[in-house]
């Protein structure tokens, strides 16, 4: 009996000494929306990387059509476009918030001097860029020391660049001392460099695409050597490589659609995995996330497969800070779909979905 008791005690102690699984972190997810339905502005959720579940929905700020969001590197400020044509007499607006323990506190709002601003980005050294889709221009703001918007933005106007096509600036993103802008209407990516006067055309001022391509969003790979551009109108991704003169040359174009797909579809967003090994793109119409492996040597893409988004009209999507999950904003079905991401193969496994009115942008605070 004594041996049995001692054995039982030993077993209990052994179980007690087994390390508990490490608790993974919780992150705050900001959701930008269109407010022509049931949404009122910007929302937050808590994302649990132990389970892949969203919870604790809160309205963070009432704002008209905050369709694209950006958070500063120091996590002290959040910026949201107001994708309208009537913020003021010139078009839409941009709003700056301070971040205080995940809560948004309004700082100020400014007109972007163009209708329907649809993208905002930060330089990391005191500048902010807004792409005005219908306005066909880019507004470049300086930021005050508290992160609020300064007066008198520089305006880069694409409308005079082509008398046949109509400019639609869709994304403006800083890259070191450069600014690159996709213009869906002009079928081009424009490059600008910073000097004492502001941003001026770079030596390679334009990357041209075939008529009807519609470049929409882009991302950089391999420390800026590779440029990946997703094209809205012909459902392709264009791959560019930077040469020794810092010019980007196209080396590959791949379709984002299944060969058997028959119908209309329009690309929206693309994201590289944190390790740079996989590239993902969203198809509105086919309603999929397409998955490509990135060749470590050439940077070219090889198709891995595609996954249904479990909804309709996937806009922006994001990979969580752990790299283990991918979340998709499905605008027309008003839901956010969560997928487990296999880091080795790049494939996605659907986990769950959360109903949310008109989601279009997902940004993690981490």
Protein backbone atom coordinates (compact mmCIF):
# COMPACT_ATOMS: atom_id res chain seq x y z
CA UNK A 1 0.00 0.00 0.00
CA UNK A 2 2.86 2.33 0.90
CA UNK A 3 4.43 1.76 -2.53
CA UNK A 4 1.12 2.50 -4.24
CA UNK A 5 0.73 5.77 -2.33
CA UNK A 6 4.30 6.82 -3.05
CA UNK A 7 3.83 5.93 -6.70
CA UNK A 8 0.66 8.02 -6.86
CA UNK A 9 2.39 11.00 -5.28
CA UNK A 10 5.26 10.69 -7.77
CA UNK A 11 2.81 10.60 -10.69
CA UNK A 12 1.04 13.72 -9.41
CA UNK A 13 4.34 15.55 -9.00
CA UNK A 14 5.41 14.52 -12.50
CA UNK A 15 2.20 15.89 -14.00
CA UNK A 16 2.58 19.12 -12.02
CA UNK A 17 6.09 19.58 -13.35
CA UNK A 18 5.07 19.30 -16.99
CA UNK A 19 5.37 22.74 -18.54
CA UNK A 20 2.12 24.34 -19.57
CA UNK A 21 1.82 25.27 -23.24
CA UNK A 22 3.12 28.77 -23.84
CA UNK A 23 0.31 31.31 -24.01
CA UNK A 24 0.43 33.10 -27.35
CA UNK A 25 -0.24 36.84 -27.49
CA UNK A 26 -3.49 38.69 -28.13
CA UNK A 27 -3.50 41.46 -30.73
CA UNK A 28 -5.77 44.38 -31.50
CA UNK A 29 -7.23 44.39 -35.02
CA UNK A 30 -8.50 47.66 -36.51
CA UNK A 31 -11.20 47.34 -39.17
CA UNK A 32 -11.88 50.06 -41.74
CA UNK A 33 -15.29 50.03 -43.43
CA UNK A 34 -17.69 51.66 -45.84
CA UNK A 35 -20.42 53.45 -43.94
CA UNK A 36 -23.20 53.44 -46.54
CA UNK A 37 -24.80 50.51 -44.69
CA UNK A 38 -24.81 49.43 -41.05
CA UNK A 39 -21.23 50.41 -40.26
CA UNK A 40 -20.42 53.64 -38.42
CA UNK A 41 -16.67 53.90 -38.91
CA UNK A 42 -13.53 52.24 -37.49
CA UNK A 43 -13.86 49.17 -35.25
CA UNK A 44 -11.52 47.12 -33.09
CA UNK A 45 -11.40 43.43 -32.24
CA UNK A 46 -9.21 41.32 -30.02
CA UNK A 47 -7.50 38.54 -31.99
CA UNK A 48 -6.46 35.43 -30.07
CA UNK A 49 -3.46 33.71 -31.67
CA UNK A 50 -4.09 30.64 -29.50
CA UNK A 51 -7.42 29.96 -31.21
CA UNK A 52 -7.59 32.24 -34.26
CA UNK A 53 -10.79 33.84 -32.96
CA UNK A 54 -11.96 37.45 -33.03
CA UNK A 55 -13.82 38.87 -30.04
CA UNK A 56 -14.62 42.04 -28.11
CA UNK A 57 -15.90 44.15 -31.03
CA UNK A 58 -15.89 47.91 -30.32
CA UNK A 59 -16.64 51.04 -32.33
CA UNK A 60 -13.35 52.95 -32.07
CA UNK A 61 -14.31 56.07 -34.05
CA UNK A 62 -17.28 57.31 -36.03
CA UNK A 63 -16.03 58.37 -39.45
CA UNK A 64 -17.36 58.43 -43.00
CA UNK A 65 -15.95 55.67 -45.24
CA UNK A 66 -12.63 54.96 -43.46
CA UNK A 67 -11.71 52.52 -46.22
CA UNK A 68 -7.95 52.43 -45.63
CA UNK A 69 -5.95 52.70 -42.41
CA UNK A 70 -2.28 53.06 -41.47
CA UNK A 71 -0.54 52.92 -38.07
CA UNK A 72 2.72 54.74 -37.35
CA UNK A 73 5.86 52.74 -36.61
CA UNK A 74 5.93 53.98 -33.01
CA UNK A 75 2.28 52.88 -32.56
CA UNK A 76 1.30 56.34 -31.34
CA UNK A 77 -0.94 57.35 -34.26
CA UNK A 78 -3.50 55.90 -36.65
CA UNK A 79 -4.55 57.53 -39.92
CA UNK A 80 -7.74 56.89 -41.88
CA UNK A 81 -8.88 58.13 -45.27
CA UNK A 82 -12.43 59.36 -45.69
CA UNK A 83 -13.24 57.95 -49.12
CA UNK A 84 -15.82 60.52 -50.16
CA UNK A 85 -16.16 63.34 -52.67
CA UNK A 86 -17.72 65.81 -50.24
CA UNK A 87 -15.41 66.20 -47.25
CA UNK A 88 -14.89 69.69 -48.65
CA UNK A 89 -15.24 71.40 -52.02
CA UNK A 90 -12.18 69.56 -53.40
CA UNK A 91 -12.96 65.96 -52.48
CA UNK A 92 -12.24 63.52 -49.66
CA UNK A 93 -10.40 63.71 -46.37
CA UNK A 94 -7.71 62.22 -44.16
CA UNK A 95 -7.99 62.00 -40.36
CA UNK A 96 -5.25 61.64 -37.74
CA UNK A 97 -5.86 59.93 -34.40
CA UNK A 98 -3.60 59.41 -31.41
CA UNK A 99 -3.52 55.87 -30.04
CA UNK A 100 -3.99 55.60 -26.31
CA UNK A 101 -4.17 52.00 -25.03
CA UNK A 102 -5.88 50.89 -28.27
CA UNK A 103 -8.38 53.77 -28.06
CA UNK A 104 -8.52 56.42 -30.79
CA UNK A 105 -8.45 60.11 -29.88
CA UNK A 106 -9.17 62.55 -32.72
CA UNK A 107 -6.34 64.93 -33.56
CA UNK A 108 -7.36 66.63 -36.80
CA UNK A 109 -8.76 66.12 -40.30
CA UNK A 110 -7.71 67.66 -43.60
CA UNK A 111 -8.99 67.63 -47.15
CA UNK A 112 -6.91 65.57 -49.56
CA UNK A 113 -7.63 67.90 -52.52
CA UNK A 114 -9.00 65.02 -54.56
CA UNK A 115 -12.12 62.87 -54.59
CA UNK A 116 -12.30 59.37 -53.11
CA UNK A 117 -8.96 58.90 -51.34
CA UNK A 118 -8.41 55.14 -51.15
CA UNK A 119 -4.94 54.56 -49.71
CA UNK A 120 -2.69 56.09 -47.05
CA UNK A 121 0.93 55.32 -46.15
CA UNK A 122 3.67 56.70 -43.91
CA UNK A 123 7.33 57.40 -44.68
CA UNK A 124 8.58 56.82 -41.14
CA UNK A 125 10.33 60.20 -41.13
CA UNK A 126 7.43 62.62 -40.89
CA UNK A 127 5.53 62.33 -44.17
CA UNK A 128 2.16 60.86 -45.13
CA UNK A 129 0.87 60.10 -48.63
CA UNK A 130 -2.75 59.77 -49.75
CA UNK A 131 -3.81 58.43 -53.16
CA UNK A 132 -6.98 60.07 -54.51
CA UNK A 133 -8.68 57.62 -56.87
CA UNK A 134 -11.23 59.80 -58.63
CA UNK A 135 -9.14 62.91 -58.07
CA UNK A 136 -6.25 61.37 -60.01
CA UNK A 137 -3.63 62.85 -57.70
CA UNK A 138 -1.55 62.26 -54.58
CA UNK A 139 -1.50 64.46 -51.47
CA UNK A 140 1.74 64.53 -49.45
CA UNK A 141 1.39 65.83 -45.90
CA UNK A 142 4.07 66.69 -43.38
CA UNK A 143 3.33 65.50 -39.84
CA UNK A 144 3.65 67.59 -36.70
CA UNK A 145 5.67 66.26 -33.75
CA UNK A 146 2.51 64.82 -32.16
CA UNK A 147 1.63 63.01 -35.40
CA UNK A 148 -1.15 65.38 -36.43
CA UNK A 149 -1.46 66.61 -40.01
CA UNK A 150 0.30 69.82 -41.01
CA UNK A 151 -1.18 72.36 -43.43
CA UNK A 152 -0.38 72.85 -47.12
CA UNK A 153 0.24 69.37 -48.55
CA UNK A 154 2.21 68.90 -51.75
CA UNK A 155 -0.09 67.75 -54.56
CA UNK A 156 1.24 65.50 -57.31
CA UNK A 157 -1.28 65.66 -60.14
CA UNK A 158 -1.40 62.78 -62.62
CA UNK A 159 -4.21 64.19 -64.76
CA UNK A 160 -1.92 66.16 -67.11
CA UNK A 161 0.22 63.07 -67.79
CA UNK A 162 -2.17 61.56 -70.36
CA UNK A 163 -4.80 63.26 -72.48
CA UNK A 164 -6.42 59.97 -73.56
CA UNK A 165 -6.62 57.95 -70.35
CA UNK A 166 -8.17 59.07 -67.04
CA UNK A 167 -5.88 59.03 -64.03
CA UNK A 168 -6.90 56.93 -61.02
CA UNK A 169 -4.19 56.95 -58.35
CA UNK A 170 -4.79 53.82 -56.30
CA UNK A 171 -1.80 53.39 -53.99
CA UNK A 172 1.05 55.66 -52.88
CA UNK A 173 3.80 53.97 -50.89
CA UNK A 174 7.15 55.25 -49.62
CA UNK A 175 10.30 53.24 -50.33
CA UNK A 176 13.30 54.83 -48.66
CA UNK A 177 13.60 58.33 -50.12
CA UNK A 178 11.24 57.43 -52.96
CA UNK A 179 7.49 57.45 -53.42
CA UNK A 180 5.86 54.97 -55.79
CA UNK A 181 2.30 55.37 -57.04
CA UNK A 182 0.10 52.91 -58.91
CA UNK A 183 -2.20 54.63 -61.38
CA UNK A 184 -4.90 52.20 -62.46
CA UNK A 185 -6.28 54.57 -65.10
CA UNK A 186 -2.92 55.31 -66.71
CA UNK A 187 -1.75 51.68 -66.57
CA UNK A 188 1.48 52.75 -64.90
CA UNK A 189 3.49 52.88 -61.69
CA UNK A 190 5.03 56.32 -61.19
CA UNK A 191 8.27 56.87 -59.25
CA UNK A 192 9.21 60.03 -57.34
CA UNK A 193 12.30 60.92 -55.34
CA UNK A 194 12.66 63.29 -52.43
CA UNK A 195 14.74 66.46 -52.65
CA UNK A 196 14.81 69.78 -50.82
CA UNK A 197 11.69 70.96 -52.63
CA UNK A 198 9.59 67.86 -52.01
CA UNK A 199 8.98 64.83 -54.22
CA UNK A 200 9.90 65.12 -57.91
CA UNK A 201 9.96 62.60 -60.80
CA UNK A 202 12.70 59.97 -60.46
CA UNK A 203 15.10 59.04 -63.25
CA UNK A 204 12.91 56.06 -64.12
CA UNK A 205 9.71 58.00 -63.83
CA UNK A 206 7.25 55.41 -65.10
CA UNK A 207 6.78 51.66 -65.23
CA UNK A 208 4.37 51.04 -68.08
CA UNK A 209 1.79 48.25 -68.33
CA UNK A 210 -0.34 47.00 -71.21
CA UNK A 211 -3.57 48.91 -71.81
CA UNK A 212 -6.35 47.62 -69.57
CA UNK A 213 -4.02 46.08 -66.97
CA UNK A 214 -5.03 48.37 -64.12
CA UNK A 215 -2.16 48.22 -61.58
CA UNK A 216 -3.71 48.55 -58.12
CA UNK A 217 -1.45 47.56 -55.19
CA UNK A 218 2.19 46.50 -54.84
CA UNK A 219 4.69 45.18 -52.36
CA UNK A 220 8.47 44.84 -52.24
CA UNK A 221 10.50 41.67 -51.80
CA UNK A 222 14.13 40.80 -51.13
CA UNK A 223 14.96 44.17 -49.50
CA UNK A 224 13.46 46.16 -52.35
CA UNK A 225 15.14 44.27 -55.17
CA UNK A 226 11.82 42.75 -56.24
CA UNK A 227 8.56 44.59 -56.91
CA UNK A 228 5.25 42.72 -57.11
CA UNK A 229 2.24 44.55 -58.59
CA UNK A 230 -1.30 43.14 -58.54
CA UNK A 231 -3.40 44.27 -61.48
CA UNK A 232 -7.11 44.81 -60.95
CA UNK A 233 -8.48 44.78 -64.48
CA UNK A 234 -6.76 41.78 -66.11
CA UNK A 235 -6.29 39.70 -62.94
CA UNK A 236 -2.53 39.30 -63.07
CA UNK A 237 0.54 39.90 -60.92
CA UNK A 238 3.54 41.57 -62.55
CA UNK A 239 7.02 40.82 -61.19
CA UNK A 240 9.77 43.43 -61.54
CA UNK A 241 13.45 43.21 -60.65
CA UNK A 242 15.66 46.20 -59.84
CA UNK A 243 18.84 46.34 -61.95
CA UNK A 244 22.24 47.84 -61.17
CA UNK A 245 20.98 51.30 -62.22
CA UNK A 246 18.04 51.04 -59.77
CA UNK A 247 15.57 50.69 -62.62
CA UNK A 248 12.78 48.12 -62.34
CA UNK A 249 12.41 45.73 -65.29
CA UNK A 250 9.49 43.31 -65.69
CA UNK A 251 10.58 39.68 -65.61
CA UNK A 252 7.29 37.78 -65.20
CA UNK A 253 3.50 38.09 -65.38
CA UNK A 254 1.21 35.44 -63.87
CA UNK A 255 -2.56 35.06 -63.84
CA UNK A 256 -4.34 35.06 -60.49
CA UNK A 257 -7.37 33.13 -61.78
CA UNK A 258 -8.00 29.42 -62.20
CA UNK A 259 -7.83 28.37 -65.84
CA UNK A 260 -11.38 26.99 -65.55
CA UNK A 261 -12.88 30.15 -64.04
CA UNK A 262 -15.51 31.69 -66.33
CA UNK A 263 -16.78 35.06 -65.21
CA UNK A 264 -15.79 38.56 -64.18
CA UNK A 265 -13.15 38.98 -61.51
CA UNK A 266 -11.04 41.90 -60.30
CA UNK A 267 -7.91 41.73 -58.15
CA UNK A 268 -7.64 43.80 -55.00
CA UNK A 269 -4.75 43.28 -52.57
CA UNK A 270 -1.50 41.35 -52.20
CA UNK A 271 0.78 40.47 -49.28
CA UNK A 272 4.08 38.69 -48.84
CA UNK A 273 4.49 36.27 -45.96
CA UNK A 274 6.81 37.58 -43.20
CA UNK A 275 9.61 35.28 -44.37
CA UNK A 276 9.16 36.36 -48.01
CA UNK A 277 8.59 32.80 -49.19
CA UNK A 278 4.95 33.15 -50.27
CA UNK A 279 2.87 35.80 -52.02
CA UNK A 280 -0.92 36.00 -51.64
CA UNK A 281 -3.45 37.92 -53.75
CA UNK A 282 -7.20 38.48 -53.51
CA UNK A 283 -9.65 37.89 -56.39
CA UNK A 284 -13.03 39.66 -56.26
CA UNK A 285 -15.41 37.61 -58.40
CA UNK A 286 -13.61 34.29 -58.25
CA UNK A 287 -13.65 35.06 -54.50
CA UNK A 288 -10.36 33.41 -53.69
CA UNK A 289 -6.97 34.04 -52.18
CA UNK A 290 -4.38 32.85 -54.70
CA UNK A 291 -1.10 31.50 -53.30
CA UNK A 292 2.31 31.65 -54.97
CA UNK A 293 5.69 30.38 -53.81
CA UNK A 294 8.53 32.88 -54.28
CA UNK A 295 11.72 31.53 -55.81
CA UNK A 296 14.51 32.37 -53.36
CA UNK A 297 17.01 33.03 -56.14
CA UNK A 298 15.07 34.69 -58.97
CA UNK A 299 12.12 36.14 -57.04
CA UNK A 300 9.75 34.68 -59.63
CA UNK A 301 6.41 33.16 -58.68
CA UNK A 302 5.17 29.58 -58.86
CA UNK A 303 1.52 28.74 -58.29
CA UNK A 304 0.77 26.82 -55.10
CA UNK A 305 -3.03 26.94 -55.22
CA UNK A 306 -6.02 28.97 -54.13
CA UNK A 307 -8.50 29.03 -51.27
CA UNK A 308 -12.12 30.18 -51.20
CA UNK A 309 -12.55 33.29 -49.04
CA UNK A 310 -15.86 31.98 -47.64
CA UNK A 311 -17.54 35.19 -48.69
CA UNK A 312 -18.03 37.63 -51.54
CA UNK A 313 -15.75 40.41 -52.80
CA UNK A 314 -12.51 40.07 -50.79
CA UNK A 315 -10.86 43.47 -50.50
CA UNK A 316 -7.90 44.04 -48.22
CA UNK A 317 -6.50 41.07 -46.29
CA UNK A 318 -3.70 40.78 -43.77
CA UNK A 319 -1.34 38.30 -42.15
CA UNK A 320 -1.29 38.50 -38.36
CA UNK A 321 1.94 39.41 -36.50
CA UNK A 322 2.65 35.77 -35.66
CA UNK A 323 2.56 34.83 -39.34
CA UNK A 324 0.27 31.90 -38.52
CA UNK A 325 -3.05 33.38 -39.65
CA UNK A 326 -4.47 35.22 -42.64
CA UNK A 327 -7.63 37.34 -42.30
CA UNK A 328 -9.81 38.48 -45.22
CA UNK A 329 -12.29 41.37 -45.37
CA UNK A 330 -15.25 40.24 -47.53
CA UNK A 331 -17.15 43.42 -48.37
CA UNK A 332 -20.37 42.18 -49.98
CA UNK A 333 -21.07 39.37 -47.51
CA UNK A 334 -20.05 41.56 -44.55
CA UNK A 335 -17.76 39.04 -42.90
CA UNK A 336 -14.14 38.62 -41.85
CA UNK A 337 -12.78 35.16 -42.63
CA UNK A 338 -9.89 33.70 -40.62
CA UNK A 339 -7.48 31.09 -42.03
CA UNK A 340 -4.66 29.11 -40.46
CA UNK A 341 -1.50 29.56 -42.55
CA UNK A 342 0.97 26.71 -43.02
CA UNK A 343 4.37 28.39 -42.84
CA UNK A 344 6.09 25.53 -44.66
CA UNK A 345 3.74 25.12 -47.63
CA UNK A 346 1.97 28.50 -47.69
CA UNK A 347 -1.45 26.84 -47.85
CA UNK A 348 -4.51 28.10 -45.99
CA UNK A 349 -7.09 26.28 -43.88
CA UNK A 350 -10.39 28.00 -43.09
CA UNK A 351 -11.03 28.33 -39.35
CA UNK A 352 -13.95 30.67 -38.72
CA UNK A 353 -15.74 33.83 -39.76
CA UNK A 354 -17.07 36.89 -37.96
CA UNK A 355 -19.97 38.98 -39.24
CA UNK A 356 -19.11 42.63 -39.69
CA UNK A 357 -20.79 45.25 -41.90
CA UNK A 358 -18.88 46.28 -45.04
CA UNK A 359 -15.29 45.52 -43.95
CA UNK A 360 -12.63 46.70 -46.41
CA UNK A 361 -9.37 47.18 -44.47
CA UNK A 362 -7.70 45.12 -41.71
CA UNK A 363 -4.70 46.43 -39.75
CA UNK A 364 -3.06 44.85 -36.71
CA UNK A 365 -1.58 46.84 -33.84
CA UNK A 366 1.46 44.95 -32.55
